[in-house]
């Protein structure tokens, strides 16, 4: 898989971010901070959740 050289997260790290929010372990802001991305990146969790269902 080609990962963009400026990408902050790989697909696996995005999944980890999304699961931490969906499962309620971290808030969107705390999960984003823990993964070194903006709070807006937490929106991935909702798009990924729709893919998983």
PDB file of N, CA and C in Angstrom:
ATOM      1  N   UNK A   1       0.846  -1.169   0.000  1.00  0.00           N
ATOM      2  CA  UNK A   1       0.000   0.000   0.000  1.00  0.00           C
ATOM      3  C   UNK A   1       0.892   1.233   0.000  1.00  0.00           C
ATOM      4  N   UNK A   2       0.554   2.197  -0.835  1.00  0.00           N
ATOM      5  CA  UNK A   2       1.299   3.449  -0.880  1.00  0.00           C
ATOM      6  C   UNK A   2       0.708   4.424   0.129  1.00  0.00           C
ATOM      7  N   UNK A   3       1.557   4.892   1.010  1.00  0.00           N
ATOM      8  CA  UNK A   3       1.148   5.890   1.991  1.00  0.00           C
ATOM      9  C   UNK A   3       1.754   7.221   1.568  1.00  0.00           C
ATOM     10  N   UNK A   4       0.944   8.252   1.503  1.00  0.00           N
ATOM     11  CA  UNK A   4       1.430   9.572   1.131  1.00  0.00           C
ATOM     12  C   UNK A   4       2.535   9.990   2.091  1.00  0.00           C
ATOM     13  N   UNK A   5       3.591  10.574   1.581  1.00  0.00           N
ATOM     14  CA  UNK A   5       4.748  10.889   2.428  1.00  0.00           C
ATOM     15  C   UNK A   5       4.416  11.892   3.535  1.00  0.00           C
ATOM     16  N   UNK A   6       3.380  12.696   3.365  1.00  0.00           N
ATOM     17  CA  UNK A   6       3.000  13.669   4.389  1.00  0.00           C
ATOM     18  C   UNK A   6       1.843  13.192   5.262  1.00  0.00           C
ATOM     19  N   UNK A   7       1.393  11.977   5.053  1.00  0.00           N
ATOM     20  CA  UNK A   7       0.265  11.456   5.828  1.00  0.00           C
ATOM     21  C   UNK A   7       0.672  11.291   7.286  1.00  0.00           C
ATOM     22  N   UNK A   8      -0.138  11.794   8.200  1.00  0.00           N
ATOM     23  CA  UNK A   8       0.149  11.685   9.621  1.00  0.00           C
ATOM     24  C   UNK A   8      -0.114  10.284  10.138  1.00  0.00           C
ATOM     25  N   UNK A   9      -1.165   9.660   9.604  1.00  0.00           N
ATOM     26  CA  UNK A   9      -1.560   8.337  10.094  1.00  0.00           C
ATOM     27  C   UNK A   9      -1.692   7.350   8.945  1.00  0.00           C
ATOM     28  N   UNK A  10      -1.302   6.135   9.200  1.00  0.00           N
ATOM     29  CA  UNK A  10      -1.535   5.058   8.245  1.00  0.00           C
ATOM     30  C   UNK A  10      -2.971   4.584   8.435  1.00  0.00           C
ATOM     31  N   UNK A  11      -3.487   3.793   7.522  1.00  0.00           N
ATOM     32  CA  UNK A  11      -4.852   3.284   7.707  1.00  0.00           C
ATOM     33  C   UNK A  11      -5.037   2.538   9.040  1.00  0.00           C
ATOM     34  N   UNK A  12      -4.002   1.837   9.486  1.00  0.00           N
ATOM     35  CA  UNK A  12      -4.107   1.091  10.740  1.00  0.00           C
ATOM     36  C   UNK A  12      -4.179   2.025  11.941  1.00  0.00           C
ATOM     37  N   UNK A  13      -3.419   3.123  11.891  1.00  0.00           N
ATOM     38  CA  UNK A  13      -3.457   4.096  12.983  1.00  0.00           C
ATOM     39  C   UNK A  13      -4.785   4.854  12.970  1.00  0.00           C
ATOM     40  N   UNK A  14      -5.337   5.098  11.771  1.00  0.00           N
ATOM     41  CA  UNK A  14      -6.663   5.724  11.696  1.00  0.00           C
ATOM     42  C   UNK A  14      -7.711   4.827  12.330  1.00  0.00           C
ATOM     43  N   UNK A  15      -7.590   3.532  12.067  1.00  0.00           N
ATOM     44  CA  UNK A  15      -8.526   2.584  12.671  1.00  0.00           C
ATOM     45  C   UNK A  15      -8.384   2.611  14.193  1.00  0.00           C
ATOM     46  N   UNK A  16      -7.167   2.646  14.682  1.00  0.00           N
ATOM     47  CA  UNK A  16      -6.927   2.704  16.122  1.00  0.00           C
ATOM     48  C   UNK A  16      -7.534   3.975  16.715  1.00  0.00           C
ATOM     49  N   UNK A  17      -7.365   5.097  16.033  1.00  0.00           N
ATOM     50  CA  UNK A  17      -7.950   6.369  16.465  1.00  0.00           C
ATOM     51  C   UNK A  17      -9.466   6.261  16.526  1.00  0.00           C
ATOM     52  N   UNK A  18     -10.050   5.746  15.453  1.00  0.00           N
ATOM     53  CA  UNK A  18     -11.506   5.630  15.383  1.00  0.00           C
ATOM     54  C   UNK A  18     -12.047   4.713  16.472  1.00  0.00           C
ATOM     55  N   UNK A  19     -11.408   3.580  16.680  1.00  0.00           N
ATOM     56  CA  UNK A  19     -11.895   2.639  17.696  1.00  0.00           C
ATOM     57  C   UNK A  19     -11.802   3.221  19.100  1.00  0.00           C
ATOM     58  N   UNK A  20     -10.759   3.992  19.362  1.00  0.00           N
ATOM     59  CA  UNK A  20     -10.636   4.580  20.696  1.00  0.00           C
ATOM     60  C   UNK A  20     -11.772   5.562  20.971  1.00  0.00           C
ATOM     61  N   UNK A  21     -12.250   6.223  19.932  1.00  0.00           N
ATOM     62  CA  UNK A  21     -13.375   7.156  20.096  1.00  0.00           C
ATOM     63  C   UNK A  21     -14.699   6.402  20.165  1.00  0.00           C
ATOM     64  N   UNK A  22     -14.911   5.484  19.226  1.00  0.00           N
ATOM     65  CA  UNK A  22     -16.174   4.752  19.152  1.00  0.00           C
ATOM     66  C   UNK A  22     -16.414   3.917  20.413  1.00  0.00           C
ATOM     67  N   UNK A  23     -15.365   3.278  20.907  1.00  0.00           N
ATOM     68  CA  UNK A  23     -15.500   2.440  22.097  1.00  0.00           C
ATOM     69  C   UNK A  23     -15.544   3.249  23.385  1.00  0.00           C
ATOM     70  N   UNK A  24     -15.369   4.560  23.282  1.00  0.00           N
ATOM     71  CA  UNK A  24     -15.498   5.425  24.445  1.00  0.00           C
ATOM     72  C   UNK A  24     -14.278   5.487  25.342  1.00  0.00           C
ATOM     73  N   UNK A  25     -13.142   4.987  24.865  1.00  0.00           N
ATOM     74  CA  UNK A  25     -11.931   5.046  25.685  1.00  0.00           C
ATOM     75  C   UNK A  25     -11.389   6.459  25.777  1.00  0.00           C
ATOM     76  N   UNK A  26     -11.506   7.224  24.698  1.00  0.00           N
ATOM     77  CA  UNK A  26     -11.002   8.593  24.662  1.00  0.00           C
ATOM     78  C   UNK A  26     -12.020   9.497  23.983  1.00  0.00           C
ATOM     79  N   UNK A  27     -12.004  10.767  24.372  1.00  0.00           N
ATOM     80  CA  UNK A  27     -12.830  11.740  23.661  1.00  0.00           C
ATOM     81  C   UNK A  27     -12.170  12.018  22.313  1.00  0.00           C
ATOM     82  N   UNK A  28     -12.894  12.677  21.434  1.00  0.00           N
ATOM     83  CA  UNK A  28     -12.350  12.974  20.116  1.00  0.00           C
ATOM     84  C   UNK A  28     -11.093  13.829  20.250  1.00  0.00           C
ATOM     85  N   UNK A  29     -11.125  14.821  21.129  1.00  0.00           N
ATOM     86  CA  UNK A  29      -9.971  15.708  21.303  1.00  0.00           C
ATOM     87  C   UNK A  29      -8.770  14.957  21.881  1.00  0.00           C
ATOM     88  N   UNK A  30      -8.999  14.125  22.880  1.00  0.00           N
ATOM     89  CA  UNK A  30      -7.890  13.390  23.493  1.00  0.00           C
ATOM     90  C   UNK A  30      -7.300  12.348  22.540  1.00  0.00           C
ATOM     91  N   UNK A  31      -8.154  11.698  21.784  1.00  0.00           N
ATOM     92  CA  UNK A  31      -7.664  10.709  20.813  1.00  0.00           C
ATOM     93  C   UNK A  31      -6.821  11.395  19.742  1.00  0.00           C
ATOM     94  N   UNK A  32      -7.285  12.540  19.269  1.00  0.00           N
ATOM     95  CA  UNK A  32      -6.532  13.282  18.256  1.00  0.00           C
ATOM     96  C   UNK A  32      -5.186  13.721  18.814  1.00  0.00           C
ATOM     97  N   UNK A  33      -5.189  14.214  20.036  1.00  0.00           N
ATOM     98  CA  UNK A  33      -3.937  14.644  20.661  1.00  0.00           C
ATOM     99  C   UNK A  33      -2.982  13.464  20.839  1.00  0.00           C
ATOM    100  N   UNK A  34      -3.495  12.330  21.254  1.00  0.00           N
ATOM    101  CA  UNK A  34      -2.665  11.152  21.470  1.00  0.00           C
ATOM    102  C   UNK A  34      -2.025  10.650  20.175  1.00  0.00           C
ATOM    103  N   UNK A  35      -2.701  10.889  19.043  1.00  0.00           N
ATOM    104  CA  UNK A  35      -2.185  10.422  17.754  1.00  0.00           C
ATOM    105  C   UNK A  35      -1.478  11.529  16.973  1.00  0.00           C
ATOM    106  N   UNK A  36      -1.392  12.721  17.568  1.00  0.00           N
ATOM    107  CA  UNK A  36      -0.664  13.811  16.921  1.00  0.00           C
ATOM    108  C   UNK A  36      -1.350  14.414  15.716  1.00  0.00           C
ATOM    109  N   UNK A  37      -2.679  14.440  15.735  1.00  0.00           N
ATOM    110  CA  UNK A  37      -3.438  15.033  14.630  1.00  0.00           C
ATOM    111  C   UNK A  37      -4.431  16.041  15.195  1.00  0.00           C
ATOM    112  N   UNK A  38      -5.104  16.776  14.319  1.00  0.00           N
ATOM    113  CA  UNK A  38      -6.072  17.770  14.768  1.00  0.00           C
ATOM    114  C   UNK A  38      -7.363  17.097  15.236  1.00  0.00           C
ATOM    115  N   UNK A  39      -8.146  17.854  16.004  1.00  0.00           N
ATOM    116  CA  UNK A  39      -9.428  17.319  16.473  1.00  0.00           C
ATOM    117  C   UNK A  39     -10.343  16.978  15.305  1.00  0.00           C
ATOM    118  N   UNK A  40     -10.200  17.703  14.233  1.00  0.00           N
ATOM    119  CA  UNK A  40     -11.022  17.469  13.044  1.00  0.00           C
ATOM    120  C   UNK A  40     -10.789  16.053  12.492  1.00  0.00           C
ATOM    121  N   UNK A  41      -9.604  15.527  12.715  1.00  0.00           N
ATOM    122  CA  UNK A  41      -9.293  14.182  12.227  1.00  0.00           C
ATOM    123  C   UNK A  41     -10.168  13.131  12.894  1.00  0.00           C
ATOM    124  N   UNK A  42     -10.749  13.457  14.024  1.00  0.00           N
ATOM    125  CA  UNK A  42     -11.648  12.530  14.693  1.00  0.00           C
ATOM    126  C   UNK A  42     -12.876  12.200  13.861  1.00  0.00           C
ATOM    127  N   UNK A  43     -13.124  12.995  12.832  1.00  0.00           N
ATOM    128  CA  UNK A  43     -14.251  12.703  11.941  1.00  0.00           C
ATOM    129  C   UNK A  43     -14.034  11.399  11.191  1.00  0.00           C
ATOM    130  N   UNK A  44     -12.788  10.948  11.099  1.00  0.00           N
ATOM    131  CA  UNK A  44     -12.518   9.659  10.463  1.00  0.00           C
ATOM    132  C   UNK A  44     -13.300   8.546  11.135  1.00  0.00           C
ATOM    133  N   UNK A  45     -13.463   8.668  12.438  1.00  0.00           N
ATOM    134  CA  UNK A  45     -14.117   7.575  13.154  1.00  0.00           C
ATOM    135  C   UNK A  45     -15.526   7.351  12.643  1.00  0.00           C
ATOM    136  N   UNK A  46     -16.234   8.406  12.303  1.00  0.00           N
ATOM    137  CA  UNK A  46     -17.609   8.232  11.834  1.00  0.00           C
ATOM    138  C   UNK A  46     -17.639   7.703  10.410  1.00  0.00           C
ATOM    139  N   UNK A  47     -16.707   8.146   9.571  1.00  0.00           N
ATOM    140  CA  UNK A  47     -16.675   7.611   8.217  1.00  0.00           C
ATOM    141  C   UNK A  47     -16.223   6.151   8.226  1.00  0.00           C
ATOM    142  N   UNK A  48     -15.290   5.819   9.092  1.00  0.00           N
ATOM    143  CA  UNK A  48     -14.838   4.434   9.181  1.00  0.00           C
ATOM    144  C   UNK A  48     -15.908   3.533   9.783  1.00  0.00           C
ATOM    145  N   UNK A  49     -16.663   4.064  10.737  1.00  0.00           N
ATOM    146  CA  UNK A  49     -17.725   3.283  11.351  1.00  0.00           C
ATOM    147  C   UNK A  49     -18.771   2.901  10.303  1.00  0.00           C
ATOM    148  N   UNK A  50     -19.058   3.810   9.385  1.00  0.00           N
ATOM    149  CA  UNK A  50     -20.045   3.500   8.353  1.00  0.00           C
ATOM    150  C   UNK A  50     -19.500   2.440   7.391  1.00  0.00           C
ATOM    151  N   UNK A  51     -18.200   2.405   7.182  1.00  0.00           N
ATOM    152  CA  UNK A  51     -17.592   1.402   6.306  1.00  0.00           C
ATOM    153  C   UNK A  51     -17.649   0.022   6.973  1.00  0.00           C
ATOM    154  N   UNK A  52     -17.389  -0.025   8.271  1.00  0.00           N
ATOM    155  CA  UNK A  52     -17.333  -1.289   8.993  1.00  0.00           C
ATOM    156  C   UNK A  52     -18.697  -1.955   9.126  1.00  0.00           C
ATOM    157  N   UNK A  53     -19.761  -1.152   9.072  1.00  0.00           N
ATOM    158  CA  UNK A  53     -21.106  -1.709   9.300  1.00  0.00           C
ATOM    159  C   UNK A  53     -21.673  -2.326   8.070  1.00  0.00           C
TER     160      UNK A  53
END
